[in-house]
PDB file of N, CA and C in Angstrom:
ATOM      1  N   UNK A   1      56.076 -10.467 -40.565  1.00  0.00           N
ATOM      2  CA  UNK A   1      54.667 -10.313 -40.296  1.00  0.00           C
ATOM      3  C   UNK A   1      53.881 -10.160 -41.601  1.00  0.00           C
ATOM      4  N   UNK A   2      54.471  -9.554 -42.594  1.00  0.00           N
ATOM      5  CA  UNK A   2      53.804  -9.384 -43.877  1.00  0.00           C
ATOM      6  C   UNK A   2      53.551 -10.727 -44.537  1.00  0.00           C
ATOM      7  N   UNK A   3      54.517 -11.622 -44.431  1.00  0.00           N
ATOM      8  CA  UNK A   3      54.342 -12.949 -45.014  1.00  0.00           C
ATOM      9  C   UNK A   3      53.185 -13.699 -44.390  1.00  0.00           C
ATOM     10  N   UNK A   4      53.034 -13.600 -43.080  1.00  0.00           N
ATOM     11  CA  UNK A   4      51.927 -14.256 -42.396  1.00  0.00           C
ATOM     12  C   UNK A   4      50.593 -13.652 -42.824  1.00  0.00           C
ATOM     13  N   UNK A   5      50.558 -12.324 -42.946  1.00  0.00           N
ATOM     14  CA  UNK A   5      49.334 -11.641 -43.382  1.00  0.00           C
ATOM     15  C   UNK A   5      48.953 -12.098 -44.787  1.00  0.00           C
ATOM     16  N   UNK A   6      49.940 -12.219 -45.657  1.00  0.00           N
ATOM     17  CA  UNK A   6      49.670 -12.703 -47.015  1.00  0.00           C
ATOM     18  C   UNK A   6      49.170 -14.137 -46.994  1.00  0.00           C
ATOM     19  N   UNK A   7      49.776 -14.966 -46.134  1.00  0.00           N
ATOM     20  CA  UNK A   7      49.370 -16.369 -46.024  1.00  0.00           C
ATOM     21  C   UNK A   7      47.915 -16.483 -45.582  1.00  0.00           C
ATOM     22  N   UNK A   8      47.528 -15.699 -44.603  1.00  0.00           N
ATOM     23  CA  UNK A   8      46.164 -15.772 -44.078  1.00  0.00           C
ATOM     24  C   UNK A   8      45.151 -15.175 -45.051  1.00  0.00           C
ATOM     25  N   UNK A   9      45.466 -14.023 -45.610  1.00  0.00           N
ATOM     26  CA  UNK A   9      44.475 -13.306 -46.404  1.00  0.00           C
ATOM     27  C   UNK A   9      44.440 -13.706 -47.874  1.00  0.00           C
ATOM     28  N   UNK A  10      45.533 -14.163 -48.432  1.00  0.00           N
ATOM     29  CA  UNK A  10      45.535 -14.510 -49.849  1.00  0.00           C
ATOM     30  C   UNK A  10      45.126 -15.945 -50.104  1.00  0.00           C
ATOM     31  N   UNK A  11      45.488 -16.834 -49.201  1.00  0.00           N
ATOM     32  CA  UNK A  11      45.158 -18.239 -49.381  1.00  0.00           C
ATOM     33  C   UNK A  11      43.707 -18.523 -49.063  1.00  0.00           C
ATOM     34  N   UNK A  12      43.355 -19.758 -49.226  1.00  0.00           N
ATOM     35  CA  UNK A  12      41.987 -20.162 -48.940  1.00  0.00           C
ATOM     36  C   UNK A  12      41.871 -20.768 -47.548  1.00  0.00           C
ATOM     37  N   UNK A  13      42.772 -20.432 -46.659  1.00  0.00           N
ATOM     38  CA  UNK A  13      42.801 -21.011 -45.329  1.00  0.00           C
ATOM     39  C   UNK A  13      41.536 -20.699 -44.540  1.00  0.00           C
ATOM     40  N   UNK A  14      41.107 -19.458 -44.540  1.00  0.00           N
ATOM     41  CA  UNK A  14      39.917 -19.074 -43.788  1.00  0.00           C
ATOM     42  C   UNK A  14      38.673 -19.687 -44.422  1.00  0.00           C
ATOM     43  N   UNK A  15      38.582 -19.677 -45.737  1.00  0.00           N
ATOM     44  CA  UNK A  15      37.426 -20.277 -46.402  1.00  0.00           C
ATOM     45  C   UNK A  15      37.344 -21.768 -46.106  1.00  0.00           C
ATOM     46  N   UNK A  16      38.487 -22.442 -46.093  1.00  0.00           N
ATOM     47  CA  UNK A  16      38.514 -23.865 -45.797  1.00  0.00           C
ATOM     48  C   UNK A  16      38.096 -24.140 -44.357  1.00  0.00           C
ATOM     49  N   UNK A  17      38.552 -23.321 -43.430  1.00  0.00           N
ATOM     50  CA  UNK A  17      38.173 -23.488 -42.019  1.00  0.00           C
ATOM     51  C   UNK A  17      36.674 -23.263 -41.829  1.00  0.00           C
ATOM     52  N   UNK A  18      36.126 -22.241 -42.470  1.00  0.00           N
ATOM     53  CA  UNK A  18      34.692 -21.970 -42.372  1.00  0.00           C
ATOM     54  C   UNK A  18      33.900 -23.124 -42.981  1.00  0.00           C
ATOM     55  N   UNK A  19      34.344 -23.631 -44.113  1.00  0.00           N
ATOM     56  CA  UNK A  19      33.654 -24.758 -44.743  1.00  0.00           C
ATOM     57  C   UNK A  19      33.684 -25.992 -43.848  1.00  0.00           C
ATOM     58  N   UNK A  20      34.795 -26.243 -43.181  1.00  0.00           N
ATOM     59  CA  UNK A  20      34.902 -27.394 -42.285  1.00  0.00           C
ATOM     60  C   UNK A  20      33.950 -27.252 -41.101  1.00  0.00           C
ATOM     61  N   UNK A  21      33.905 -26.072 -40.494  1.00  0.00           N
ATOM     62  CA  UNK A  21      33.021 -25.828 -39.356  1.00  0.00           C
ATOM     63  C   UNK A  21      31.559 -25.973 -39.764  1.00  0.00           C
ATOM     64  N   UNK A  22      31.189 -25.366 -40.883  1.00  0.00           N
ATOM     65  CA  UNK A  22      29.796 -25.428 -41.323  1.00  0.00           C
ATOM     66  C   UNK A  22      29.418 -26.850 -41.748  1.00  0.00           C
ATOM     67  N   UNK A  23      30.341 -27.571 -42.349  1.00  0.00           N
ATOM     68  CA  UNK A  23      30.072 -28.951 -42.738  1.00  0.00           C
ATOM     69  C   UNK A  23      29.830 -29.844 -41.534  1.00  0.00           C
ATOM     70  N   UNK A  24      30.636 -29.677 -40.495  1.00  0.00           N
ATOM     71  CA  UNK A  24      30.450 -30.473 -39.277  1.00  0.00           C
ATOM     72  C   UNK A  24      29.119 -30.140 -38.611  1.00  0.00           C
ATOM     73  N   UNK A  25      28.756 -28.870 -38.581  1.00  0.00           N
ATOM     74  CA  UNK A  25      27.481 -28.478 -37.979  1.00  0.00           C
ATOM     75  C   UNK A  25      26.306 -29.002 -38.801  1.00  0.00           C
ATOM     76  N   UNK A  26      26.433 -28.976 -40.117  1.00  0.00           N
ATOM     77  CA  UNK A  26      25.350 -29.473 -40.968  1.00  0.00           C
ATOM     78  C   UNK A  26      25.218 -30.984 -40.843  1.00  0.00           C
ATOM     79  N   UNK A  27      26.329 -31.681 -40.630  1.00  0.00           N
ATOM     80  CA  UNK A  27      26.277 -33.130 -40.428  1.00  0.00           C
ATOM     81  C   UNK A  27      25.450 -33.463 -39.189  1.00  0.00           C
ATOM     82  N   UNK A  28      25.548 -32.645 -38.159  1.00  0.00           N
ATOM     83  CA  UNK A  28      24.741 -32.850 -36.956  1.00  0.00           C
ATOM     84  C   UNK A  28      23.256 -32.685 -37.261  1.00  0.00           C
ATOM     85  N   UNK A  29      22.921 -31.703 -38.078  1.00  0.00           N
ATOM     86  CA  UNK A  29      21.523 -31.483 -38.461  1.00  0.00           C
ATOM     87  C   UNK A  29      21.008 -32.679 -39.255  1.00  0.00           C
ATOM     88  N   UNK A  30      21.799 -33.168 -40.192  1.00  0.00           N
ATOM     89  CA  UNK A  30      21.379 -34.305 -41.015  1.00  0.00           C
ATOM     90  C   UNK A  30      21.201 -35.546 -40.148  1.00  0.00           C
ATOM     91  N   UNK A  31      22.122 -35.780 -39.218  1.00  0.00           N
ATOM     92  CA  UNK A  31      22.013 -36.943 -38.334  1.00  0.00           C
ATOM     93  C   UNK A  31      20.750 -36.865 -37.486  1.00  0.00           C
ATOM     94  N   UNK A  32      20.456 -35.702 -36.926  1.00  0.00           N
ATOM     95  CA  UNK A  32      19.250 -35.536 -36.119  1.00  0.00           C
ATOM     96  C   UNK A  32      17.991 -35.721 -36.963  1.00  0.00           C
ATOM     97  N   UNK A  33      18.019 -35.248 -38.205  1.00  0.00           N
ATOM     98  CA  UNK A  33      16.868 -35.409 -39.092  1.00  0.00           C
ATOM     99  C   UNK A  33      16.629 -36.880 -39.414  1.00  0.00           C
ATOM    100  N   UNK A  34      17.692 -37.602 -39.697  1.00  0.00           N
ATOM    101  CA  UNK A  34      17.570 -39.027 -40.009  1.00  0.00           C
ATOM    102  C   UNK A  34      17.038 -39.791 -38.801  1.00  0.00           C
ATOM    103  N   UNK A  35      17.514 -39.461 -37.616  1.00  0.00           N
ATOM    104  CA  UNK A  35      17.007 -40.122 -36.411  1.00  0.00           C
ATOM    105  C   UNK A  35      15.530 -39.825 -36.204  1.00  0.00           C
ATOM    106  N   UNK A  36      15.110 -38.611 -36.505  1.00  0.00           N
ATOM    107  CA  UNK A  36      13.698 -38.247 -36.363  1.00  0.00           C
ATOM    108  C   UNK A  36      12.843 -39.017 -37.367  1.00  0.00           C
ATOM    109  N   UNK A  37      13.297 -39.048 -38.628  1.00  0.00           N
ATOM    110  CA  UNK A  37      12.521 -39.739 -39.663  1.00  0.00           C
ATOM    111  C   UNK A  37      12.455 -41.230 -39.372  1.00  0.00           C
ATOM    112  N   UNK A  38      13.563 -41.827 -38.974  1.00  0.00           N
ATOM    113  CA  UNK A  38      13.527 -43.253 -38.668  1.00  0.00           C
ATOM    114  C   UNK A  38      12.719 -43.523 -37.402  1.00  0.00           C
ATOM    115  N   UNK A  39      12.594 -42.560 -36.513  1.00  0.00           N
ATOM    116  CA  UNK A  39      11.740 -42.708 -35.339  1.00  0.00           C
ATOM    117  C   UNK A  39      10.267 -42.715 -35.689  1.00  0.00           C
ATOM    118  N   UNK A  40       9.910 -42.158 -36.845  1.00  0.00           N
ATOM    119  CA  UNK A  40       8.518 -42.157 -37.293  1.00  0.00           C
ATOM    120  C   UNK A  40       8.087 -43.518 -37.811  1.00  0.00           C
ATOM    121  N   UNK A  41       9.043 -44.332 -38.204  1.00  0.00           N
ATOM    122  CA  UNK A  41       8.717 -45.654 -38.734  1.00  0.00           C
ATOM    123  C   UNK A  41       8.366 -46.598 -37.585  1.00  0.00           C
ATOM    124  N   UNK A  42       7.357 -47.431 -37.783  1.00  0.00           N
ATOM    125  CA  UNK A  42       6.988 -48.357 -36.712  1.00  0.00           C
ATOM    126  C   UNK A  42       8.094 -49.377 -36.453  1.00  0.00           C
ATOM    127  N   UNK A  43       8.306 -49.643 -35.197  1.00  0.00           N
ATOM    128  CA  UNK A  43       9.310 -50.621 -34.788  1.00  0.00           C
ATOM    129  C   UNK A  43       8.581 -51.785 -34.150  1.00  0.00           C
ATOM    130  N   UNK A  44       8.832 -52.969 -34.604  1.00  0.00           N
ATOM    131  CA  UNK A  44       8.102 -54.138 -34.113  1.00  0.00           C
ATOM    132  C   UNK A  44       8.637 -54.634 -32.775  1.00  0.00           C
ATOM    133  N   UNK A  45       9.817 -54.186 -32.372  1.00  0.00           N
ATOM    134  CA  UNK A  45      10.380 -54.678 -31.128  1.00  0.00           C
ATOM    135  C   UNK A  45      10.012 -53.835 -29.923  1.00  0.00           C
ATOM    136  N   UNK A  46       9.512 -52.642 -30.109  1.00  0.00           N
ATOM    137  CA  UNK A  46       9.121 -51.793 -28.984  1.00  0.00           C
ATOM    138  C   UNK A  46       7.819 -51.078 -29.326  1.00  0.00           C
ATOM    139  N   UNK A  47       7.432 -50.156 -28.489  1.00  0.00           N
ATOM    140  CA  UNK A  47       6.198 -49.422 -28.743  1.00  0.00           C
ATOM    141  C   UNK A  47       6.309 -48.597 -30.024  1.00  0.00           C
ATOM    142  N   UNK A  48       5.208 -48.485 -30.728  1.00  0.00           N
ATOM    143  CA  UNK A  48       5.192 -47.716 -31.971  1.00  0.00           C
ATOM    144  C   UNK A  48       5.232 -46.228 -31.633  1.00  0.00           C
ATOM    145  N   UNK A  49       6.049 -45.486 -32.347  1.00  0.00           N
ATOM    146  CA  UNK A  49       6.198 -44.027 -32.202  1.00  0.00           C
ATOM    147  C   UNK A  49       6.655 -43.627 -30.793  1.00  0.00           C
ATOM    148  N   UNK A  50       7.508 -44.401 -30.190  1.00  0.00           N
ATOM    149  CA  UNK A  50       7.893 -44.127 -28.815  1.00  0.00           C
ATOM    150  C   UNK A  50       8.852 -42.947 -28.682  1.00  0.00           C
ATOM    151  N   UNK A  51       9.706 -42.702 -29.657  1.00  0.00           N
ATOM    152  CA  UNK A  51      10.709 -41.639 -29.531  1.00  0.00           C
ATOM    153  C   UNK A  51      10.450 -40.481 -30.480  1.00  0.00           C
ATOM    154  N   UNK A  52       9.249 -40.359 -30.941  1.00  0.00           N
ATOM    155  CA  UNK A  52       8.930 -39.350 -31.947  1.00  0.00           C
ATOM    156  C   UNK A  52       9.166 -37.929 -31.442  1.00  0.00           C
ATOM    157  N   UNK A  53       8.657 -37.567 -30.292  1.00  0.00           N
ATOM    158  CA  UNK A  53       8.810 -36.204 -29.789  1.00  0.00           C
ATOM    159  C   UNK A  53      10.255 -35.906 -29.426  1.00  0.00           C
ATOM    160  N   UNK A  54      10.921 -36.881 -28.843  1.00  0.00           N
ATOM    161  CA  UNK A  54      12.310 -36.688 -28.452  1.00  0.00           C
ATOM    162  C   UNK A  54      13.195 -36.470 -29.681  1.00  0.00           C
ATOM    163  N   UNK A  55      12.977 -37.219 -30.733  1.00  0.00           N
ATOM    164  CA  UNK A  55      13.782 -37.083 -31.940  1.00  0.00           C
ATOM    165  C   UNK A  55      13.530 -35.755 -32.641  1.00  0.00           C
ATOM    166  N   UNK A  56      12.252 -35.319 -32.671  1.00  0.00           N
ATOM    167  CA  UNK A  56      11.960 -34.042 -33.305  1.00  0.00           C
ATOM    168  C   UNK A  56      12.592 -32.898 -32.521  1.00  0.00           C
ATOM    169  N   UNK A  57      12.574 -32.995 -31.210  1.00  0.00           N
ATOM    170  CA  UNK A  57      13.221 -31.977 -30.379  1.00  0.00           C
ATOM    171  C   UNK A  57      14.716 -31.914 -30.639  1.00  0.00           C
ATOM    172  N   UNK A  58      15.347 -33.068 -30.817  1.00  0.00           N
ATOM    173  CA  UNK A  58      16.782 -33.097 -31.121  1.00  0.00           C
ATOM    174  C   UNK A  58      17.054 -32.483 -32.490  1.00  0.00           C
ATOM    175  N   UNK A  59      16.176 -32.783 -33.456  1.00  0.00           N
ATOM    176  CA  UNK A  59      16.336 -32.200 -34.790  1.00  0.00           C
ATOM    177  C   UNK A  59      16.161 -30.687 -34.749  1.00  0.00           C
ATOM    178  N   UNK A  60      15.132 -30.233 -34.047  1.00  0.00           N
ATOM    179  CA  UNK A  60      14.892 -28.798 -33.936  1.00  0.00           C
ATOM    180  C   UNK A  60      16.060 -28.111 -33.230  1.00  0.00           C
ATOM    181  N   UNK A  61      16.573 -28.730 -32.194  1.00  0.00           N
ATOM    182  CA  UNK A  61      17.728 -28.193 -31.475  1.00  0.00           C
ATOM    183  C   UNK A  61      18.948 -28.113 -32.391  1.00  0.00           C
ATOM    184  N   UNK A  62      19.190 -29.154 -33.189  1.00  0.00           N
ATOM    185  CA  UNK A  62      20.339 -29.158 -34.106  1.00  0.00           C
ATOM    186  C   UNK A  62      20.182 -28.084 -35.185  1.00  0.00           C
ATOM    187  N   UNK A  63      18.958 -27.905 -35.691  1.00  0.00           N
ATOM    188  CA  UNK A  63      18.730 -26.897 -36.727  1.00  0.00           C
ATOM    189  C   UNK A  63      18.946 -25.483 -36.177  1.00  0.00           C
ATOM    190  N   UNK A  64      18.446 -25.223 -34.978  1.00  0.00           N
ATOM    191  CA  UNK A  64      18.631 -23.897 -34.375  1.00  0.00           C
ATOM    192  C   UNK A  64      20.100 -23.650 -34.056  1.00  0.00           C
ATOM    193  N   UNK A  65      20.781 -24.685 -33.543  1.00  0.00           N
ATOM    194  CA  UNK A  65      22.206 -24.554 -33.246  1.00  0.00           C
ATOM    195  C   UNK A  65      23.005 -24.283 -34.522  1.00  0.00           C
ATOM    196  N   UNK A  66      22.611 -24.926 -35.630  1.00  0.00           N
ATOM    197  CA  UNK A  66      23.282 -24.695 -36.908  1.00  0.00           C
ATOM    198  C   UNK A  66      23.118 -23.248 -37.358  1.00  0.00           C
ATOM    199  N   UNK A  67      21.898 -22.724 -37.246  1.00  0.00           N
ATOM    200  CA  UNK A  67      21.654 -21.343 -37.661  1.00  0.00           C
ATOM    201  C   UNK A  67      22.417 -20.354 -36.786  1.00  0.00           C
ATOM    202  N   UNK A  68      22.454 -20.612 -35.495  1.00  0.00           N
ATOM    203  CA  UNK A  68      23.205 -19.732 -34.599  1.00  0.00           C
ATOM    204  C   UNK A  68      24.706 -19.792 -34.899  1.00  0.00           C
ATOM    205  N   UNK A  69      25.215 -20.988 -35.118  1.00  0.00           N
ATOM    206  CA  UNK A  69      26.632 -21.131 -35.457  1.00  0.00           C
ATOM    207  C   UNK A  69      26.947 -20.436 -36.781  1.00  0.00           C
ATOM    208  N   UNK A  70      26.058 -20.578 -37.747  1.00  0.00           N
ATOM    209  CA  UNK A  70      26.262 -19.920 -39.042  1.00  0.00           C
ATOM    210  C   UNK A  70      26.301 -18.402 -38.879  1.00  0.00           C
ATOM    211  N   UNK A  71      25.428 -17.856 -38.045  1.00  0.00           N
ATOM    212  CA  UNK A  71      25.412 -16.412 -37.814  1.00  0.00           C
ATOM    213  C   UNK A  71      26.699 -15.961 -37.125  1.00  0.00           C
ATOM    214  N   UNK A  72      27.135 -16.705 -36.121  1.00  0.00           N
ATOM    215  CA  UNK A  72      28.370 -16.350 -35.414  1.00  0.00           C
ATOM    216  C   UNK A  72      29.568 -16.421 -36.350  1.00  0.00           C
ATOM    217  N   UNK A  73      29.662 -17.482 -37.130  1.00  0.00           N
ATOM    218  CA  UNK A  73      30.793 -17.618 -38.057  1.00  0.00           C
ATOM    219  C   UNK A  73      30.771 -16.493 -39.086  1.00  0.00           C
ATOM    220  N   UNK A  74      29.584 -16.160 -39.582  1.00  0.00           N
ATOM    221  CA  UNK A  74      29.502 -15.107 -40.594  1.00  0.00           C
ATOM    222  C   UNK A  74      29.927 -13.751 -40.032  1.00  0.00           C
ATOM    223  N   UNK A  75      29.361 -13.386 -38.871  1.00  0.00           N
ATOM    224  CA  UNK A  75      29.643 -12.060 -38.330  1.00  0.00           C
ATOM    225  C   UNK A  75      31.002 -11.965 -37.640  1.00  0.00           C
ATOM    226  N   UNK A  76      31.527 -13.081 -37.119  1.00  0.00           N
ATOM    227  CA  UNK A  76      32.802 -13.028 -36.395  1.00  0.00           C
ATOM    228  C   UNK A  76      34.003 -13.399 -37.255  1.00  0.00           C
ATOM    229  N   UNK A  77      33.778 -14.124 -38.350  1.00  0.00           N
ATOM    230  CA  UNK A  77      34.918 -14.569 -39.167  1.00  0.00           C
ATOM    231  C   UNK A  77      34.831 -14.044 -40.594  1.00  0.00           C
ATOM    232  N   UNK A  78      33.712 -14.319 -41.263  1.00  0.00           N
ATOM    233  CA  UNK A  78      33.614 -14.017 -42.701  1.00  0.00           C
ATOM    234  C   UNK A  78      33.625 -12.511 -42.971  1.00  0.00           C
ATOM    235  N   UNK A  79      32.814 -11.740 -42.247  1.00  0.00           N
ATOM    236  CA  UNK A  79      32.779 -10.292 -42.499  1.00  0.00           C
ATOM    237  C   UNK A  79      34.116  -9.611 -42.210  1.00  0.00           C
ATOM    238  N   UNK A  80      34.759  -9.851 -41.043  1.00  0.00           N
ATOM    239  CA  UNK A  80      36.072  -9.226 -40.823  1.00  0.00           C
ATOM    240  C   UNK A  80      37.122  -9.699 -41.832  1.00  0.00           C
ATOM    241  N   UNK A  81      37.071 -10.967 -42.208  1.00  0.00           N
ATOM    242  CA  UNK A  81      38.017 -11.496 -43.198  1.00  0.00           C
ATOM    243  C   UNK A  81      37.828 -10.794 -44.538  1.00  0.00           C
ATOM    244  N   UNK A  82      36.585 -10.605 -44.949  1.00  0.00           N
ATOM    245  CA  UNK A  82      36.305  -9.940 -46.220  1.00  0.00           C
ATOM    246  C   UNK A  82      36.777  -8.489 -46.191  1.00  0.00           C
ATOM    247  N   UNK A  83      36.520  -7.799 -45.078  1.00  0.00           N
ATOM    248  CA  UNK A  83      36.980  -6.406 -44.957  1.00  0.00           C
ATOM    249  C   UNK A  83      38.500  -6.314 -44.992  1.00  0.00           C
ATOM    250  N   UNK A  84      39.172  -7.197 -44.276  1.00  0.00           N
ATOM    251  CA  UNK A  84      40.639  -7.179 -44.259  1.00  0.00           C
ATOM    252  C   UNK A  84      41.196  -7.497 -45.636  1.00  0.00           C
ATOM    253  N   UNK A  85      40.582  -8.442 -46.328  1.00  0.00           N
ATOM    254  CA  UNK A  85      41.051  -8.802 -47.666  1.00  0.00           C
ATOM    255  C   UNK A  85      40.868  -7.625 -48.627  1.00  0.00           C
ATOM    256  N   UNK A  86      39.741  -6.929 -48.537  1.00  0.00           N
ATOM    257  CA  UNK A  86      39.522  -5.768 -49.408  1.00  0.00           C
ATOM    258  C   UNK A  86      40.467  -4.625 -49.057  1.00  0.00           C
ATOM    259  N   UNK A  87      40.812  -4.491 -47.785  1.00  0.00           N
ATOM    260  CA  UNK A  87      41.692  -3.408 -47.360  1.00  0.00           C
ATOM    261  C   UNK A  87      43.132  -3.645 -47.798  1.00  0.00           C
ATOM    262  N   UNK A  88      43.635  -4.857 -47.558  1.00  0.00           N
ATOM    263  CA  UNK A  88      45.039  -5.138 -47.845  1.00  0.00           C
ATOM    264  C   UNK A  88      45.286  -5.595 -49.276  1.00  0.00           C
ATOM    265  N   UNK A  89      44.293  -6.199 -49.901  1.00  0.00           N
ATOM    266  CA  UNK A  89      44.435  -6.676 -51.272  1.00  0.00           C
ATOM    267  C   UNK A  89      43.232  -6.232 -52.091  1.00  0.00           C
ATOM    268  N   UNK A  90      43.177  -4.941 -52.458  1.00  0.00           N
ATOM    269  CA  UNK A  90      42.004  -4.460 -53.202  1.00  0.00           C
ATOM    270  C   UNK A  90      41.911  -5.130 -54.567  1.00  0.00           C
ATOM    271  N   UNK A  91      40.683  -5.308 -55.003  1.00  0.00           N
ATOM    272  CA  UNK A  91      40.455  -5.919 -56.311  1.00  0.00           C
ATOM    273  C   UNK A  91      40.765  -4.901 -57.394  1.00  0.00           C
ATOM    274  N   UNK A  92      41.130  -5.422 -58.548  1.00  0.00           N
ATOM    275  CA  UNK A  92      41.435  -4.538 -59.674  1.00  0.00           C
ATOM    276  C   UNK A  92      40.151  -3.872 -60.155  1.00  0.00           C
ATOM    277  N   UNK A  93      40.314  -2.652 -60.642  1.00  0.00           N
ATOM    278  CA  UNK A  93      39.156  -1.929 -61.157  1.00  0.00           C
ATOM    279  C   UNK A  93      38.647  -2.621 -62.418  1.00  0.00           C
ATOM    280  N   UNK A  94      37.323  -2.627 -62.588  1.00  0.00           N
ATOM    281  CA  UNK A  94      36.793  -3.255 -63.801  1.00  0.00           C
ATOM    282  C   UNK A  94      37.202  -2.461 -65.030  1.00  0.00           C
ATOM    283  N   UNK A  95      37.421  -3.155 -66.071  1.00  0.00           N
ATOM    284  CA  UNK A  95      37.828  -2.522 -67.314  1.00  0.00           C
ATOM    285  C   UNK A  95      38.377  -3.573 -68.263  1.00  0.00           C
ATOM    286  N   UNK A  96      38.977  -3.120 -69.327  1.00  0.00           N
ATOM    287  CA  UNK A  96      39.532  -4.042 -70.298  1.00  0.00           C
ATOM    288  C   UNK A  96      40.856  -4.585 -69.777  1.00  0.00           C
ATOM    289  N   UNK A  97      41.019  -5.903 -69.750  1.00  0.00           N
ATOM    290  CA  UNK A  97      42.301  -6.470 -69.332  1.00  0.00           C
ATOM    291  C   UNK A  97      43.424  -5.999 -70.252  1.00  0.00           C
ATOM    292  N   UNK A  98      44.636  -6.001 -69.716  1.00  0.00           N
ATOM    293  CA  UNK A  98      45.787  -5.489 -70.467  1.00  0.00           C
ATOM    294  C   UNK A  98      46.017  -6.250 -71.768  1.00  0.00           C
ATOM    295  N   UNK A  99      45.867  -7.565 -71.746  1.00  0.00           N
ATOM    296  CA  UNK A  99      46.123  -8.331 -72.962  1.00  0.00           C
ATOM    297  C   UNK A  99      45.084  -8.035 -74.045  1.00  0.00           C
ATOM    298  N   UNK A 100      43.830  -7.829 -73.648  1.00  0.00           N
ATOM    299  CA  UNK A 100      42.793  -7.488 -74.626  1.00  0.00           C
ATOM    300  C   UNK A 100      43.026  -6.084 -75.175  1.00  0.00           C
ATOM    301  N   UNK A 101      43.407  -5.141 -74.298  1.00  0.00           N
ATOM    302  CA  UNK A 101      43.687  -3.774 -74.755  1.00  0.00           C
ATOM    303  C   UNK A 101      44.851  -3.773 -75.751  1.00  0.00           C
ATOM    304  N   UNK A 102      45.882  -4.578 -75.477  1.00  0.00           N
ATOM    305  CA  UNK A 102      47.027  -4.666 -76.398  1.00  0.00           C
ATOM    306  C   UNK A 102      46.595  -5.245 -77.738  1.00  0.00           C
ATOM    307  N   UNK A 103      45.778  -6.288 -77.719  1.00  0.00           N
ATOM    308  CA  UNK A 103      45.292  -6.871 -78.979  1.00  0.00           C
ATOM    309  C   UNK A 103      44.427  -5.878 -79.758  1.00  0.00           C
ATOM    310  N   UNK A 104      43.608  -5.107 -79.061  1.00  0.00           N
ATOM    311  CA  UNK A 104      42.795  -4.101 -79.741  1.00  0.00           C
ATOM    312  C   UNK A 104      43.671  -3.017 -80.358  1.00  0.00           C
ATOM    313  N   UNK A 105      44.740  -2.645 -79.657  1.00  0.00           N
ATOM    314  CA  UNK A 105      45.660  -1.644 -80.198  1.00  0.00           C
ATOM    315  C   UNK A 105      46.355  -2.162 -81.452  1.00  0.00           C
ATOM    316  N   UNK A 106      46.780  -3.428 -81.421  1.00  0.00           N
ATOM    317  CA  UNK A 106      47.413  -4.039 -82.596  1.00  0.00           C
ATOM    318  C   UNK A 106      46.424  -4.093 -83.751  1.00  0.00           C
ATOM    319  N   UNK A 107      45.175  -4.469 -83.466  1.00  0.00           N
ATOM    320  CA  UNK A 107      44.154  -4.534 -84.515  1.00  0.00           C
ATOM    321  C   UNK A 107      43.945  -3.161 -85.151  1.00  0.00           C
ATOM    322  N   UNK A 108      43.890  -2.117 -84.321  1.00  0.00           N
ATOM    323  CA  UNK A 108      43.667  -0.767 -84.841  1.00  0.00           C
ATOM    324  C   UNK A 108      44.856  -0.295 -85.669  1.00  0.00           C
ATOM    325  N   UNK A 109      46.085  -0.633 -85.247  1.00  0.00           N
ATOM    326  CA  UNK A 109      47.267  -0.247 -86.011  1.00  0.00           C
ATOM    327  C   UNK A 109      47.309  -0.958 -87.360  1.00  0.00           C
ATOM    328  N   UNK A 110      46.965  -2.243 -87.377  1.00  0.00           N
ATOM    329  CA  UNK A 110      46.943  -2.978 -88.648  1.00  0.00           C
ATOM    330  C   UNK A 110      45.862  -2.430 -89.577  1.00  0.00           C
ATOM    331  N   UNK A 111      44.720  -2.084 -89.004  1.00  0.00           N
ATOM    332  CA  UNK A 111      43.651  -1.524 -89.831  1.00  0.00           C
ATOM    333  C   UNK A 111      44.069  -0.165 -90.388  1.00  0.00           C
ATOM    334  N   UNK A 112      44.784   0.639 -89.585  1.00  0.00           N
ATOM    335  CA  UNK A 112      45.235   1.944 -90.058  1.00  0.00           C
ATOM    336  C   UNK A 112      46.279   1.795 -91.162  1.00  0.00           C
ATOM    337  N   UNK A 113      47.126   0.760 -91.072  1.00  0.00           N
ATOM    338  CA  UNK A 113      48.129   0.549 -92.127  1.00  0.00           C
ATOM    339  C   UNK A 113      47.466   0.143 -93.442  1.00  0.00           C
ATOM    340  N   UNK A 114      46.385  -0.606 -93.353  1.00  0.00           N
ATOM    341  CA  UNK A 114      45.686  -1.054 -94.565  1.00  0.00           C
ATOM    342  C   UNK A 114      44.773   0.036 -95.121  1.00  0.00           C
ATOM    343  N   UNK A 115      44.590   1.083 -94.374  1.00  0.00           N
ATOM    344  CA  UNK A 115      43.727   2.167 -94.842  1.00  0.00           C
ATOM    345  C   UNK A 115      42.284   2.000 -94.446  1.00  0.00           C
ATOM    346  N   UNK A 116      42.018   1.041 -93.586  1.00  0.00           N
ATOM    347  CA  UNK A 116      40.636   0.812 -93.125  1.00  0.00           C
ATOM    348  C   UNK A 116      40.350   1.654 -91.892  1.00  0.00           C
ATOM    349  N   UNK A 117      39.178   1.455 -91.375  1.00  0.00           N
ATOM    350  CA  UNK A 117      38.790   2.200 -90.170  1.00  0.00           C
ATOM    351  C   UNK A 117      39.135   1.363 -88.938  1.00  0.00           C
ATOM    352  N   UNK A 118      39.769   1.959 -87.948  1.00  0.00           N
ATOM    353  CA  UNK A 118      40.123   1.224 -86.743  1.00  0.00           C
ATOM    354  C   UNK A 118      38.861   0.801 -85.980  1.00  0.00           C
ATOM    355  N   UNK A 119      38.921  -0.374 -85.352  1.00  0.00           N
ATOM    356  CA  UNK A 119      37.810  -0.877 -84.558  1.00  0.00           C
ATOM    357  C   UNK A 119      36.736  -1.552 -85.361  1.00  0.00           C
ATOM    358  N   UNK A 120      36.936  -1.737 -86.668  1.00  0.00           N
ATOM    359  CA  UNK A 120      35.904  -2.354 -87.499  1.00  0.00           C
ATOM    360  C   UNK A 120      36.092  -3.839 -87.597  1.00  0.00           C
TER     361      UNK A 120
END
C-alpha cells in the first residue's frame, strides 16, 4: 500500500489527469467561441446572422460549464491532493542546502589556515 501511495502522491499522475480534464473542457469553450464568431460573419447561402443568438448561448453555456468544472476539480481533487502531499511528503525547511553549507565550511577552514578572516 505504501508503494501505491508513493506512486500517486510523488508522481505527476494527478497533475497530468487534471491538466487533461481542464484541457478537454477548455477545448469545448474554444470550439463554442469559434462557432459563435463564425456565426457573426455573413453567409451568402442562408439568412444573414441566423444563428447568432444560438451560438452565443452555446458559448456562454460552455464558459459557465468550464468554470464549474474548474471549481469542482480544484476543490475535489487539487486541494485534497495538495494536503495529502504535504502530510505524507513534507517539503524541506528553507535554509542553506547541504552542498552550499559544506562549501562555505571548506572556504572558512581554508581562510583560517591562511590567517584570513572566515566568510570574507
